[in-house]
Protein backbone atom coordinates (compact mmCIF):
# COMPACT_ATOMS: atom_id res chain seq x y z
CA MET A 1 -24.77 -20.55 37.44
CA ARG A 2 -27.53 -20.77 35.29
CA THR A 3 -30.62 -18.52 35.68
CA ILE A 4 -33.77 -18.68 34.69
CA MET A 5 -35.94 -16.60 33.46
CA ASN A 6 -39.51 -16.50 34.21
CA ASP A 7 -42.30 -14.81 32.81
CA ASP A 8 -43.20 -12.48 35.60
CA LYS A 9 -39.48 -11.32 35.63
CA GLN A 10 -38.16 -8.30 33.11
CA PRO A 11 -34.82 -8.11 32.40
CA ASP A 12 -32.72 -5.14 33.89
CA PRO A 13 -33.10 -2.03 31.37
CA THR A 14 -29.65 -0.70 32.66
CA ARG A 15 -27.73 -3.98 31.64
CA ARG A 16 -28.62 -2.64 28.02
CA SER A 17 -27.19 0.97 28.43
CA LEU A 18 -23.96 0.20 26.77
CA LEU A 19 -25.47 -0.94 23.55
CA LYS A 20 -28.02 2.02 23.32
CA ALA A 21 -24.59 4.14 24.23
CA ALA A 22 -22.34 2.42 21.25
CA PRO A 23 -23.83 4.38 17.89
CA LEU A 24 -23.72 7.50 20.18
CA GLY A 25 -20.04 7.55 20.93
CA ALA A 26 -19.23 6.26 17.05
CA LEU A 27 -21.13 8.91 15.83
CA ALA A 28 -19.32 11.42 18.08
CA VAL A 29 -15.64 10.07 17.01
CA ALA A 30 -16.51 9.94 13.33
CA ALA A 31 -17.90 13.71 13.76
CA ALA A 32 -14.17 14.77 15.53
CA ALA A 33 -12.53 13.11 12.64
CA ARG A 34 -14.50 15.45 10.12
CA ALA A 35 -13.79 18.70 12.33
CA ARG A 36 -10.42 18.36 12.58
CA ALA A 37 -8.54 20.75 10.34
CA PRO A 38 -7.11 18.92 7.25
CA GLU A 39 -3.35 19.07 7.41
CA ALA A 40 -1.50 21.10 4.73
CA GLN A 41 -0.19 18.62 1.60
CA PRO A 42 3.70 19.27 1.21
CA GLU A 43 4.38 20.53 -2.11
CA PRO A 44 6.05 17.67 -4.25
CA ALA A 45 9.82 18.15 -4.30
CA ALA A 46 11.71 18.99 -8.07
CA PRO A 47 13.75 16.12 -9.31
CA ALA A 48 17.27 16.84 -8.18
CA GLU A 49 18.85 15.41 -11.70
CA PRO A 50 16.96 14.30 -14.62
CA GLN A 51 15.51 10.57 -14.98
CA LYS A 52 18.04 8.36 -16.06
CA ALA A 53 16.91 5.66 -18.94
CA GLN A 54 14.61 3.07 -17.61
CA GLY A 55 14.28 -0.69 -19.05
CA TYR A 56 17.39 -3.08 -19.84
CA HIS A 57 20.80 -1.68 -19.90
CA GLU A 58 24.21 -3.67 -19.76
CA THR A 59 26.16 -3.22 -16.61
CA GLU A 60 29.01 -4.94 -15.22
CA HIS A 61 27.79 -6.57 -12.66
CA ILE A 62 25.76 -7.95 -15.90
CA ARG A 63 28.61 -8.86 -17.75
CA ARG A 64 30.41 -10.87 -15.11
CA TYR A 65 26.85 -12.46 -14.77
CA TYR A 66 27.22 -13.38 -18.46
CA ARG A 67 30.56 -14.69 -18.53
CA THR A 68 30.12 -17.02 -15.28
CA ALA A 69 26.98 -18.29 -17.03
CA ALA A 70 29.19 -19.09 -19.85
CA TYR A 71 27.04 -16.96 -22.43
CA TRP A 72 30.32 -15.42 -23.59
């Protein structure tokens, strides 16, 4: 059904109340998010063991690959 709006008929202003209220709702959500108390940050845990050497290191797994790939 198609409605043609005449010059003498004004649109119902209550139909746009949702569009008028949407920015207020967004502001309320933003204000609530800012008002929330900050959560306590956990302290970083100390490493249990010293870090191992990084980078390339030859292991048994790598040596086995070299043998199967005929590098040795």
